[in-house]
Amino acid sequence: MELSIIQKIVIYALPVIFAITVHEAAHGYAAKYFGDMTAYKAGRISLNPIRHIDLFGTIILPALTVALGGILFGWAKPVPVDFSRLRNPKKDMLWVAAAGPASNFVMAILWVFVIKFSMNAPEYIAYPLAMMGKAGISINIVLMVLNLLPLPPLDGGRIAVSLLPMKYAMKFAQLERYGFIILIALMFSGVLSKVLDPLINVVYALIISLFG
C-alpha cells in the first residue's frame, strides 16, 4: 500500500519529534551527570518537545525530506553544554556527545516492540502502528549513524576531539565553524547517502536480528 505524502508526514511526525527530543535531552542529562549544569539551568533537560523543537530543523525540513524520499535530515535546538564545566572536560566530552546517538539506538529498539505490539492490536490501529514502528526504527538509526560521523559539530566530531591527543584535537575542533557547510555539501552532492547507507543497513540488520 503506497502512502500519500500527507500519510507519510502523519506516520513520521511522532517518531521524528521523539527521536530528536530525546536525543537532545540525553545530552543535557549526561552533561549534568558529569558536572555541567548549563542545560539544567536553561530548562533543557526535559522530554517536553516544545523545549527542543526548531521550526525549520525539526518540522519543515524533515517533512520535506520524507515527502521527497531522501535521507531524513533535521535537527532540534542544540542543548547548551559548557564543556569547560565538566569535571574532566576532554574525557567527559565523549560521554556527553555519545549520549545522543545512544538514546537513538535505544529508541530504535523500543520501536521494534511497537511493531510486535501491532501484530496483536485491533485491526484499525495495527497497520498505522506497524508503519509508525518501521518509521521509528529507520529515523533513529539514521540519526544515530549521521550524528556519529566524525565531523564537528556532530556528536562523532566531539567524540573524535575527546579521543585525539590534545595537539590534534585542537586543530580538528577548528573544523566546527565549517562543519554544517560541509555536511550540507555532502548531502546535496550525494556523497552523504553513499557513506551512510551501508552503515545504516548494518545497524538495521543488527537490531532486527537481535530484537526482530
N, C-alpha and C. Protein backbone atom coordinates (compact mmCIF):
# COMPACT_ATOMS: atom_id res chain seq x y z
N MET A 1 0.84 -1.20 0.00
CA MET A 1 0.00 0.00 0.00
C MET A 1 0.87 1.24 0.00
N GLU A 2 0.77 2.05 -1.04
CA GLU A 2 1.58 3.26 -1.18
C GLU A 2 0.94 4.39 -0.37
N LEU A 3 1.75 4.99 0.50
CA LEU A 3 1.24 6.08 1.33
C LEU A 3 1.31 7.40 0.59
N SER A 4 0.32 8.24 0.82
CA SER A 4 0.36 9.59 0.26
C SER A 4 1.35 10.43 1.07
N ILE A 5 1.69 11.60 0.55
CA ILE A 5 2.63 12.49 1.26
C ILE A 5 2.08 12.85 2.63
N ILE A 6 0.79 13.17 2.70
CA ILE A 6 0.17 13.53 3.98
C ILE A 6 0.24 12.37 4.96
N GLN A 7 -0.05 11.16 4.48
CA GLN A 7 0.00 9.98 5.35
C GLN A 7 1.42 9.73 5.85
N LYS A 8 2.41 9.92 4.97
CA LYS A 8 3.81 9.76 5.38
C LYS A 8 4.17 10.73 6.49
N ILE A 9 3.77 11.99 6.32
CA ILE A 9 4.09 13.02 7.32
C ILE A 9 3.43 12.70 8.65
N VAL A 10 2.17 12.23 8.61
CA VAL A 10 1.46 11.85 9.84
C VAL A 10 2.15 10.67 10.53
N ILE A 11 2.54 9.67 9.75
CA ILE A 11 3.20 8.48 10.30
C ILE A 11 4.55 8.84 10.90
N TYR A 12 5.30 9.73 10.24
CA TYR A 12 6.65 10.05 10.68
C TYR A 12 6.72 11.12 11.76
N ALA A 13 5.63 11.88 11.96
CA ALA A 13 5.68 13.04 12.86
C ALA A 13 6.13 12.69 14.27
N LEU A 14 5.43 11.74 14.92
CA LEU A 14 5.79 11.38 16.29
C LEU A 14 7.18 10.77 16.41
N PRO A 15 7.55 9.81 15.54
CA PRO A 15 8.90 9.27 15.62
C PRO A 15 10.00 10.34 15.46
N VAL A 16 9.79 11.30 14.56
CA VAL A 16 10.78 12.35 14.36
C VAL A 16 10.91 13.20 15.61
N ILE A 17 9.76 13.65 16.15
CA ILE A 17 9.78 14.53 17.32
C ILE A 17 10.41 13.81 18.52
N PHE A 18 10.03 12.55 18.74
CA PHE A 18 10.61 11.80 19.86
C PHE A 18 12.11 11.58 19.66
N ALA A 19 12.50 11.22 18.45
CA ALA A 19 13.91 10.92 18.19
C ALA A 19 14.80 12.13 18.46
N ILE A 20 14.38 13.29 17.98
CA ILE A 20 15.20 14.49 18.13
C ILE A 20 15.14 15.02 19.56
N THR A 21 13.94 14.98 20.16
CA THR A 21 13.77 15.49 21.53
C THR A 21 14.58 14.68 22.53
N VAL A 22 14.43 13.36 22.49
CA VAL A 22 15.14 12.51 23.44
C VAL A 22 16.65 12.60 23.21
N HIS A 23 17.06 12.71 21.96
CA HIS A 23 18.48 12.86 21.63
C HIS A 23 19.06 14.08 22.34
N GLU A 24 18.39 15.22 22.23
CA GLU A 24 18.90 16.44 22.84
C GLU A 24 18.83 16.37 24.37
N ALA A 25 17.72 15.84 24.88
CA ALA A 25 17.60 15.72 26.34
C ALA A 25 18.70 14.82 26.91
N ALA A 26 19.07 13.78 26.17
CA ALA A 26 20.11 12.86 26.63
C ALA A 26 21.44 13.58 26.78
N HIS A 27 21.75 14.48 25.86
CA HIS A 27 22.97 15.29 26.01
C HIS A 27 22.92 16.08 27.32
N GLY A 28 21.74 16.70 27.58
CA GLY A 28 21.60 17.50 28.79
C GLY A 28 21.74 16.68 30.06
N TYR A 29 21.11 15.50 30.10
CA TYR A 29 21.22 14.62 31.25
C TYR A 29 22.69 14.22 31.48
N ALA A 30 23.37 13.86 30.41
CA ALA A 30 24.77 13.43 30.54
C ALA A 30 25.65 14.58 31.01
N ALA A 31 25.42 15.78 30.46
CA ALA A 31 26.21 16.94 30.87
C ALA A 31 26.03 17.22 32.37
N LYS A 32 24.78 17.14 32.82
CA LYS A 32 24.51 17.36 34.25
C LYS A 32 25.21 16.31 35.09
N TYR A 33 25.15 15.07 34.66
CA TYR A 33 25.79 13.97 35.40
C TYR A 33 27.29 14.21 35.55
N PHE A 34 27.90 14.76 34.50
CA PHE A 34 29.35 14.97 34.53
C PHE A 34 29.74 16.37 35.01
N GLY A 35 28.79 17.13 35.52
CA GLY A 35 29.14 18.36 36.21
C GLY A 35 28.74 19.67 35.60
N ASP A 36 28.22 19.67 34.37
CA ASP A 36 27.83 20.93 33.73
C ASP A 36 26.32 21.14 33.89
N MET A 37 25.94 22.21 34.56
CA MET A 37 24.53 22.48 34.85
C MET A 37 23.91 23.46 33.85
N THR A 38 24.61 23.79 32.77
CA THR A 38 24.12 24.80 31.83
C THR A 38 22.76 24.44 31.25
N ALA A 39 22.62 23.21 30.74
CA ALA A 39 21.35 22.78 30.16
C ALA A 39 20.25 22.72 31.21
N TYR A 40 20.60 22.29 32.42
CA TYR A 40 19.62 22.21 33.50
C TYR A 40 19.08 23.60 33.85
N LYS A 41 19.97 24.58 33.97
CA LYS A 41 19.55 25.94 34.31
C LYS A 41 18.74 26.58 33.19
N ALA A 42 18.98 26.13 31.94
CA ALA A 42 18.24 26.67 30.80
C ALA A 42 16.90 25.96 30.59
N GLY A 43 16.61 24.98 31.45
CA GLY A 43 15.35 24.24 31.33
C GLY A 43 15.32 23.28 30.16
N ARG A 44 16.50 22.84 29.70
CA ARG A 44 16.55 22.00 28.50
C ARG A 44 16.68 20.51 28.84
N ILE A 45 16.80 20.17 30.12
CA ILE A 45 16.78 18.75 30.47
C ILE A 45 15.33 18.37 30.65
N SER A 46 14.68 18.12 29.55
CA SER A 46 13.25 17.90 29.54
C SER A 46 12.86 17.04 28.35
N LEU A 47 11.82 16.23 28.53
CA LEU A 47 11.27 15.44 27.43
C LEU A 47 10.08 16.15 26.79
N ASN A 48 9.88 17.40 27.16
CA ASN A 48 8.84 18.22 26.54
C ASN A 48 9.34 18.67 25.16
N PRO A 49 8.76 18.19 24.07
CA PRO A 49 9.27 18.52 22.74
C PRO A 49 9.32 20.02 22.45
N ILE A 50 8.41 20.77 23.04
CA ILE A 50 8.35 22.21 22.77
C ILE A 50 9.66 22.90 23.15
N ARG A 51 10.33 22.39 24.16
CA ARG A 51 11.59 23.00 24.61
C ARG A 51 12.74 22.76 23.63
N HIS A 52 12.57 21.78 22.74
CA HIS A 52 13.67 21.40 21.84
C HIS A 52 13.38 21.67 20.37
N ILE A 53 12.12 21.87 20.02
CA ILE A 53 11.74 21.98 18.61
C ILE A 53 12.28 23.25 17.97
N ASP A 54 12.88 23.07 16.81
CA ASP A 54 13.26 24.18 15.94
C ASP A 54 12.30 24.11 14.74
N LEU A 55 11.58 25.19 14.49
CA LEU A 55 10.52 25.15 13.47
C LEU A 55 11.01 24.60 12.15
N PHE A 56 12.15 25.09 11.67
CA PHE A 56 12.66 24.63 10.38
C PHE A 56 13.32 23.26 10.50
N GLY A 57 14.23 23.11 11.46
CA GLY A 57 15.03 21.89 11.55
C GLY A 57 14.28 20.66 12.03
N THR A 58 13.25 20.86 12.89
CA THR A 58 12.53 19.73 13.46
C THR A 58 11.25 19.40 12.72
N ILE A 59 10.67 20.39 12.04
CA ILE A 59 9.36 20.17 11.41
C ILE A 59 9.43 20.30 9.89
N ILE A 60 9.83 21.46 9.40
CA ILE A 60 9.75 21.72 7.96
C ILE A 60 10.73 20.85 7.17
N LEU A 61 12.00 20.86 7.55
CA LEU A 61 13.00 20.11 6.79
C LEU A 61 12.77 18.60 6.83
N PRO A 62 12.52 17.98 8.00
CA PRO A 62 12.22 16.55 7.99
C PRO A 62 10.99 16.21 7.15
N ALA A 63 9.97 17.06 7.20
CA ALA A 63 8.76 16.81 6.40
C ALA A 63 9.09 16.82 4.92
N LEU A 64 9.93 17.76 4.51
CA LEU A 64 10.33 17.83 3.10
C LEU A 64 11.14 16.62 2.68
N THR A 65 12.08 16.19 3.53
CA THR A 65 12.93 15.05 3.16
C THR A 65 12.12 13.75 3.11
N VAL A 66 11.16 13.61 4.03
CA VAL A 66 10.28 12.43 4.00
C VAL A 66 9.41 12.45 2.75
N ALA A 67 8.85 13.62 2.44
CA ALA A 67 7.96 13.75 1.28
C ALA A 67 8.70 13.49 -0.02
N LEU A 68 9.97 13.92 -0.08
CA LEU A 68 10.74 13.78 -1.32
C LEU A 68 11.47 12.45 -1.41
N GLY A 69 11.46 11.69 -0.32
CA GLY A 69 12.03 10.35 -0.35
C GLY A 69 13.53 10.30 -0.15
N GLY A 70 14.13 11.37 0.35
CA GLY A 70 15.57 11.36 0.59
C GLY A 70 15.89 10.87 1.99
N ILE A 71 17.18 10.97 2.37
CA ILE A 71 17.59 10.62 3.73
C ILE A 71 16.98 11.63 4.69
N LEU A 72 16.36 11.14 5.75
CA LEU A 72 15.76 12.03 6.73
C LEU A 72 16.84 12.95 7.28
N PHE A 73 16.55 14.23 7.29
CA PHE A 73 17.54 15.20 7.75
C PHE A 73 16.83 16.25 8.59
N GLY A 74 17.39 16.58 9.72
CA GLY A 74 16.79 17.59 10.57
C GLY A 74 17.58 17.76 11.85
N TRP A 75 17.13 18.68 12.67
CA TRP A 75 17.81 18.92 13.94
C TRP A 75 16.84 19.60 14.90
N ALA A 76 17.21 19.61 16.17
CA ALA A 76 16.47 20.36 17.18
C ALA A 76 17.36 21.51 17.63
N LYS A 77 16.83 22.34 18.53
CA LYS A 77 17.68 23.37 19.12
C LYS A 77 18.77 22.66 19.93
N PRO A 78 20.04 22.93 19.64
CA PRO A 78 21.10 22.24 20.38
C PRO A 78 21.00 22.53 21.88
N VAL A 79 21.17 21.50 22.69
CA VAL A 79 21.22 21.69 24.14
C VAL A 79 22.53 22.37 24.49
N PRO A 80 22.48 23.47 25.26
CA PRO A 80 23.73 24.17 25.59
C PRO A 80 24.57 23.35 26.56
N VAL A 81 25.81 23.11 26.18
CA VAL A 81 26.76 22.40 27.04
C VAL A 81 28.04 23.21 27.11
N ASP A 82 28.48 23.51 28.32
CA ASP A 82 29.77 24.19 28.52
C ASP A 82 30.77 23.12 28.93
N PHE A 83 31.52 22.63 27.94
CA PHE A 83 32.42 21.51 28.20
C PHE A 83 33.49 21.85 29.23
N SER A 84 33.81 23.13 29.38
CA SER A 84 34.83 23.54 30.36
C SER A 84 34.36 23.30 31.79
N ARG A 85 33.04 23.15 31.97
CA ARG A 85 32.49 22.94 33.31
C ARG A 85 32.36 21.46 33.67
N LEU A 86 32.65 20.59 32.74
CA LEU A 86 32.65 19.16 33.05
C LEU A 86 33.82 18.86 33.99
N ARG A 87 33.65 17.84 34.80
CA ARG A 87 34.71 17.54 35.77
C ARG A 87 36.03 17.20 35.09
N ASN A 88 35.96 16.44 34.01
CA ASN A 88 37.14 16.13 33.20
C ASN A 88 36.78 16.46 31.75
N PRO A 89 36.92 17.75 31.36
CA PRO A 89 36.34 18.21 30.08
C PRO A 89 36.63 17.35 28.87
N LYS A 90 37.88 17.04 28.62
CA LYS A 90 38.22 16.30 27.40
C LYS A 90 37.70 14.86 27.46
N LYS A 91 37.82 14.24 28.61
CA LYS A 91 37.37 12.85 28.76
C LYS A 91 35.84 12.77 28.77
N ASP A 92 35.20 13.63 29.54
CA ASP A 92 33.75 13.56 29.70
C ASP A 92 33.00 14.01 28.46
N MET A 93 33.66 14.80 27.61
CA MET A 93 33.05 15.24 26.35
C MET A 93 32.57 14.04 25.54
N LEU A 94 33.34 12.96 25.58
CA LEU A 94 32.98 11.75 24.83
C LEU A 94 31.62 11.23 25.27
N TRP A 95 31.40 11.14 26.58
CA TRP A 95 30.17 10.54 27.10
C TRP A 95 28.97 11.46 26.86
N VAL A 96 29.19 12.77 26.99
CA VAL A 96 28.11 13.72 26.72
C VAL A 96 27.70 13.64 25.25
N ALA A 97 28.69 13.58 24.36
CA ALA A 97 28.41 13.50 22.93
C ALA A 97 27.75 12.18 22.56
N ALA A 98 28.23 11.09 23.16
CA ALA A 98 27.72 9.76 22.81
C ALA A 98 26.31 9.52 23.34
N ALA A 99 25.88 10.30 24.32
CA ALA A 99 24.55 10.08 24.93
C ALA A 99 23.43 10.23 23.90
N GLY A 100 23.56 11.18 22.98
CA GLY A 100 22.53 11.40 21.97
C GLY A 100 22.35 10.20 21.05
N PRO A 101 23.40 9.78 20.34
CA PRO A 101 23.28 8.60 19.48
C PRO A 101 22.87 7.33 20.24
N ALA A 102 23.35 7.20 21.49
CA ALA A 102 22.97 6.03 22.29
C ALA A 102 21.46 6.02 22.54
N SER A 103 20.89 7.21 22.78
CA SER A 103 19.44 7.29 23.01
C SER A 103 18.68 6.89 21.74
N ASN A 104 19.22 7.23 20.57
CA ASN A 104 18.57 6.84 19.32
C ASN A 104 18.61 5.33 19.12
N PHE A 105 19.70 4.70 19.53
CA PHE A 105 19.79 3.24 19.43
C PHE A 105 18.74 2.58 20.31
N VAL A 106 18.59 3.08 21.53
CA VAL A 106 17.59 2.53 22.45
C VAL A 106 16.18 2.74 21.90
N MET A 107 15.93 3.93 21.35
CA MET A 107 14.60 4.20 20.80
C MET A 107 14.29 3.32 19.60
N ALA A 108 15.30 3.03 18.78
CA ALA A 108 15.09 2.14 17.64
C ALA A 108 14.62 0.77 18.13
N ILE A 109 15.22 0.30 19.21
CA ILE A 109 14.82 -0.99 19.79
C ILE A 109 13.39 -0.92 20.32
N LEU A 110 13.04 0.19 20.98
CA LEU A 110 11.67 0.33 21.51
C LEU A 110 10.63 0.32 20.39
N TRP A 111 10.98 0.90 19.24
CA TRP A 111 10.03 0.88 18.11
C TRP A 111 9.85 -0.53 17.55
N VAL A 112 10.88 -1.38 17.72
CA VAL A 112 10.71 -2.79 17.32
C VAL A 112 9.57 -3.41 18.12
N PHE A 113 9.50 -3.08 19.41
CA PHE A 113 8.45 -3.65 20.26
C PHE A 113 7.08 -3.05 19.95
N VAL A 114 7.07 -1.83 19.40
CA VAL A 114 5.80 -1.26 18.94
C VAL A 114 5.27 -2.09 17.77
N ILE A 115 6.18 -2.49 16.87
CA ILE A 115 5.77 -3.34 15.75
C ILE A 115 5.24 -4.68 16.26
N LYS A 116 5.94 -5.25 17.25
CA LYS A 116 5.49 -6.52 17.82
C LYS A 116 4.09 -6.37 18.43
N PHE A 117 3.88 -5.24 19.12
CA PHE A 117 2.57 -4.99 19.73
C PHE A 117 1.49 -4.86 18.65
N SER A 118 1.86 -4.24 17.52
CA SER A 118 0.88 -4.02 16.46
C SER A 118 0.34 -5.33 15.88
N MET A 119 1.13 -6.39 15.98
CA MET A 119 0.73 -7.68 15.43
C MET A 119 -0.50 -8.26 16.13
N ASN A 120 -0.69 -7.84 17.40
CA ASN A 120 -1.84 -8.34 18.16
C ASN A 120 -2.84 -7.23 18.48
N ALA A 121 -2.64 -6.08 17.86
CA ALA A 121 -3.52 -4.94 18.11
C ALA A 121 -4.79 -5.05 17.27
N PRO A 122 -5.84 -4.33 17.65
CA PRO A 122 -7.05 -4.30 16.82
C PRO A 122 -6.72 -3.86 15.40
N GLU A 123 -7.46 -4.40 14.47
CA GLU A 123 -7.15 -4.18 13.05
C GLU A 123 -7.07 -2.71 12.66
N TYR A 124 -7.93 -1.88 13.25
CA TYR A 124 -7.99 -0.47 12.82
C TYR A 124 -6.75 0.34 13.23
N ILE A 125 -5.95 -0.16 14.20
CA ILE A 125 -4.72 0.56 14.56
C ILE A 125 -3.47 -0.26 14.25
N ALA A 126 -3.63 -1.51 13.87
CA ALA A 126 -2.46 -2.38 13.65
C ALA A 126 -1.56 -1.86 12.55
N TYR A 127 -2.14 -1.52 11.41
CA TYR A 127 -1.32 -1.06 10.28
C TYR A 127 -0.63 0.27 10.57
N PRO A 128 -1.36 1.30 11.07
CA PRO A 128 -0.67 2.56 11.39
C PRO A 128 0.44 2.38 12.43
N LEU A 129 0.21 1.53 13.43
CA LEU A 129 1.24 1.29 14.45
C LEU A 129 2.47 0.63 13.83
N ALA A 130 2.24 -0.36 12.97
CA ALA A 130 3.35 -1.05 12.33
C ALA A 130 4.16 -0.09 11.47
N MET A 131 3.47 0.77 10.71
CA MET A 131 4.16 1.74 9.86
C MET A 131 4.92 2.75 10.70
N MET A 132 4.32 3.18 11.81
CA MET A 132 5.00 4.12 12.70
C MET A 132 6.22 3.47 13.34
N GLY A 133 6.09 2.20 13.69
CA GLY A 133 7.22 1.48 14.26
C GLY A 133 8.38 1.38 13.28
N LYS A 134 8.06 1.07 12.02
CA LYS A 134 9.11 1.00 10.99
C LYS A 134 9.76 2.36 10.79
N ALA A 135 8.93 3.40 10.80
CA ALA A 135 9.46 4.76 10.66
C ALA A 135 10.37 5.10 11.84
N GLY A 136 9.93 4.71 13.06
CA GLY A 136 10.73 4.99 14.25
C GLY A 136 12.08 4.31 14.22
N ILE A 137 12.11 3.06 13.77
CA ILE A 137 13.38 2.35 13.65
C ILE A 137 14.29 3.07 12.65
N SER A 138 13.74 3.35 11.49
CA SER A 138 14.51 3.99 10.42
C SER A 138 15.05 5.35 10.85
N ILE A 139 14.19 6.18 11.42
CA ILE A 139 14.58 7.53 11.81
C ILE A 139 15.70 7.50 12.84
N ASN A 140 15.55 6.68 13.85
CA ASN A 140 16.55 6.65 14.92
C ASN A 140 17.88 6.08 14.45
N ILE A 141 17.84 5.10 13.56
CA ILE A 141 19.10 4.57 13.03
C ILE A 141 19.80 5.63 12.19
N VAL A 142 19.04 6.32 11.34
CA VAL A 142 19.63 7.37 10.51
C VAL A 142 20.25 8.47 11.38
N LEU A 143 19.52 8.92 12.39
CA LEU A 143 20.04 9.98 13.25
C LEU A 143 21.26 9.52 14.03
N MET A 144 21.25 8.27 14.49
CA MET A 144 22.39 7.74 15.21
C MET A 144 23.64 7.71 14.34
N VAL A 145 23.49 7.12 13.14
CA VAL A 145 24.64 6.98 12.24
C VAL A 145 25.11 8.34 11.76
N LEU A 146 24.17 9.22 11.40
CA LEU A 146 24.54 10.56 10.94
C LEU A 146 25.32 11.31 12.01
N ASN A 147 24.83 11.26 13.25
CA ASN A 147 25.47 12.01 14.32
C ASN A 147 26.81 11.43 14.75
N LEU A 148 27.07 10.19 14.38
CA LEU A 148 28.36 9.58 14.73
C LEU A 148 29.44 9.85 13.68
N LEU A 149 29.08 10.54 12.60
CA LEU A 149 30.12 10.92 11.63
C LEU A 149 31.16 11.80 12.32
N PRO A 150 32.43 11.55 12.10
CA PRO A 150 33.49 12.32 12.79
C PRO A 150 33.68 13.71 12.18
N LEU A 151 32.65 14.53 12.32
CA LEU A 151 32.69 15.88 11.78
C LEU A 151 32.10 16.85 12.80
N PRO A 152 32.91 17.72 13.38
CA PRO A 152 32.34 18.72 14.29
C PRO A 152 31.38 19.61 13.51
N PRO A 153 30.25 20.02 14.06
CA PRO A 153 29.81 19.86 15.46
C PRO A 153 28.95 18.63 15.72
N LEU A 154 28.95 17.65 14.82
CA LEU A 154 28.20 16.42 15.08
C LEU A 154 28.80 15.70 16.28
N ASP A 155 28.02 14.82 16.88
CA ASP A 155 28.48 14.11 18.08
C ASP A 155 29.75 13.31 17.80
N GLY A 156 29.83 12.73 16.62
CA GLY A 156 31.03 11.97 16.26
C GLY A 156 32.26 12.84 16.21
N GLY A 157 32.09 14.10 15.82
CA GLY A 157 33.20 15.04 15.81
C GLY A 157 33.69 15.32 17.21
N ARG A 158 32.74 15.48 18.14
CA ARG A 158 33.12 15.75 19.53
C ARG A 158 33.77 14.52 20.17
N ILE A 159 33.28 13.33 19.78
CA ILE A 159 33.91 12.09 20.27
C ILE A 159 35.35 12.01 19.77
N ALA A 160 35.55 12.38 18.49
CA ALA A 160 36.91 12.37 17.93
C ALA A 160 37.82 13.36 18.66
N VAL A 161 37.29 14.55 18.95
CA VAL A 161 38.07 15.55 19.69
C VAL A 161 38.47 15.00 21.06
N SER A 162 37.54 14.28 21.69
CA SER A 162 37.82 13.71 23.00
C SER A 162 38.91 12.65 22.94
N LEU A 163 38.94 11.88 21.85
CA LEU A 163 39.88 10.76 21.75
C LEU A 163 41.25 11.15 21.22
N LEU A 164 41.31 12.21 20.42
CA LEU A 164 42.58 12.61 19.82
C LEU A 164 43.51 13.23 20.85
N PRO A 165 44.82 13.10 20.66
CA PRO A 165 45.76 13.83 21.52
C PRO A 165 45.48 15.33 21.44
N MET A 166 45.75 16.06 22.51
CA MET A 166 45.37 17.46 22.60
C MET A 166 45.84 18.29 21.41
N LYS A 167 47.05 18.06 20.94
CA LYS A 167 47.60 18.83 19.82
C LYS A 167 46.71 18.71 18.58
N TYR A 168 46.30 17.49 18.27
CA TYR A 168 45.48 17.25 17.08
C TYR A 168 44.01 17.57 17.36
N ALA A 169 43.59 17.37 18.60
CA ALA A 169 42.20 17.64 18.96
C ALA A 169 41.86 19.12 18.75
N MET A 170 42.78 20.00 19.13
CA MET A 170 42.53 21.44 18.99
C MET A 170 42.42 21.84 17.53
N LYS A 171 43.26 21.25 16.69
CA LYS A 171 43.20 21.56 15.25
C LYS A 171 41.92 21.00 14.64
N PHE A 172 41.58 19.78 15.03
CA PHE A 172 40.38 19.15 14.48
C PHE A 172 39.12 19.91 14.89
N ALA A 173 39.10 20.40 16.13
CA ALA A 173 37.94 21.13 16.64
C ALA A 173 37.67 22.40 15.85
N GLN A 174 38.71 22.94 15.19
CA GLN A 174 38.55 24.17 14.41
C GLN A 174 37.67 23.95 13.18
N LEU A 175 37.45 22.69 12.81
CA LEU A 175 36.56 22.38 11.68
C LEU A 175 35.11 22.74 11.99
N GLU A 176 34.80 22.92 13.27
CA GLU A 176 33.40 23.11 13.67
C GLU A 176 32.76 24.29 12.96
N ARG A 177 33.51 25.35 12.73
CA ARG A 177 32.92 26.53 12.09
C ARG A 177 32.48 26.25 10.65
N TYR A 178 33.06 25.20 10.05
CA TYR A 178 32.71 24.85 8.67
C TYR A 178 31.87 23.57 8.59
N GLY A 179 31.66 22.94 9.75
CA GLY A 179 31.04 21.61 9.77
C GLY A 179 29.68 21.55 9.10
N PHE A 180 28.84 22.51 9.40
CA PHE A 180 27.49 22.48 8.85
C PHE A 180 27.51 22.67 7.33
N ILE A 181 28.38 23.55 6.87
CA ILE A 181 28.50 23.79 5.43
C ILE A 181 28.99 22.51 4.73
N ILE A 182 29.97 21.84 5.34
CA ILE A 182 30.49 20.59 4.78
C ILE A 182 29.38 19.54 4.72
N LEU A 183 28.59 19.47 5.79
CA LEU A 183 27.52 18.48 5.85
C LEU A 183 26.47 18.71 4.76
N ILE A 184 26.07 19.96 4.58
CA ILE A 184 25.09 20.29 3.55
C ILE A 184 25.64 19.96 2.16
N ALA A 185 26.93 20.28 1.95
CA ALA A 185 27.56 20.00 0.65
C ALA A 185 27.58 18.49 0.39
N LEU A 186 27.91 17.71 1.42
CA LEU A 186 27.92 16.25 1.28
C LEU A 186 26.53 15.71 0.97
N MET A 187 25.51 16.31 1.59
CA MET A 187 24.15 15.84 1.38
C MET A 187 23.69 16.10 -0.05
N PHE A 188 23.91 17.32 -0.54
CA PHE A 188 23.42 17.67 -1.87
C PHE A 188 24.26 17.06 -2.99
N SER A 189 25.49 16.69 -2.67
CA SER A 189 26.35 16.06 -3.68
C SER A 189 26.06 14.56 -3.81
N GLY A 190 25.33 14.00 -2.83
CA GLY A 190 25.04 12.57 -2.85
C GLY A 190 26.08 11.73 -2.12
N VAL A 191 27.18 12.37 -1.70
CA VAL A 191 28.24 11.63 -1.01
C VAL A 191 27.75 11.14 0.35
N LEU A 192 26.95 11.97 1.02
CA LEU A 192 26.48 11.63 2.36
C LEU A 192 25.68 10.32 2.35
N SER A 193 24.78 10.16 1.40
CA SER A 193 23.97 8.94 1.34
C SER A 193 24.84 7.73 1.01
N LYS A 194 25.86 7.91 0.18
CA LYS A 194 26.75 6.79 -0.16
C LYS A 194 27.55 6.33 1.06
N VAL A 195 27.88 7.28 1.94
CA VAL A 195 28.62 6.94 3.16
C VAL A 195 27.69 6.32 4.19
N LEU A 196 26.50 6.90 4.34
CA LEU A 196 25.59 6.48 5.40
C LEU A 196 24.84 5.19 5.10
N ASP A 197 24.43 4.99 3.86
CA ASP A 197 23.56 3.85 3.53
C ASP A 197 24.12 2.50 3.99
N PRO A 198 25.39 2.18 3.69
CA PRO A 198 25.91 0.87 4.15
C PRO A 198 25.90 0.76 5.68
N LEU A 199 26.24 1.84 6.38
CA LEU A 199 26.27 1.82 7.83
C LEU A 199 24.87 1.66 8.40
N ILE A 200 23.92 2.37 7.81
CA ILE A 200 22.52 2.27 8.24
C ILE A 200 22.01 0.84 8.07
N ASN A 201 22.34 0.23 6.94
CA ASN A 201 21.90 -1.15 6.67
C ASN A 201 22.47 -2.14 7.68
N VAL A 202 23.74 -1.93 8.07
CA VAL A 202 24.38 -2.82 9.05
C VAL A 202 23.68 -2.71 10.40
N VAL A 203 23.42 -1.47 10.85
CA VAL A 203 22.78 -1.28 12.15
C VAL A 203 21.35 -1.82 12.12
N TYR A 204 20.66 -1.56 11.03
CA TYR A 204 19.28 -2.06 10.88
C TYR A 204 19.25 -3.59 10.96
N ALA A 205 20.15 -4.22 10.24
CA ALA A 205 20.20 -5.69 10.25
C ALA A 205 20.54 -6.21 11.65
N LEU A 206 21.42 -5.52 12.36
CA LEU A 206 21.80 -5.93 13.72
C LEU A 206 20.60 -5.86 14.66
N ILE A 207 19.87 -4.75 14.62
CA ILE A 207 18.72 -4.58 15.51
C ILE A 207 17.64 -5.62 15.21
N ILE A 208 17.36 -5.83 13.93
CA ILE A 208 16.32 -6.79 13.55
C ILE A 208 16.73 -8.21 13.94
N SER A 209 18.02 -8.53 13.77
CA SER A 209 18.47 -9.88 14.11
C SER A 209 18.41 -10.13 15.62
N LEU A 210 18.63 -9.08 16.41
CA LEU A 210 18.63 -9.23 17.87
C LEU A 210 17.23 -9.14 18.47
N PHE A 211 16.41 -8.25 17.91
CA PHE A 211 15.12 -7.96 18.55
C PHE A 211 13.91 -8.15 17.64
N GLY A 212 14.15 -8.44 16.35
CA GLY A 212 13.06 -8.55 15.43
C GLY A 212 12.26 -9.83 15.59
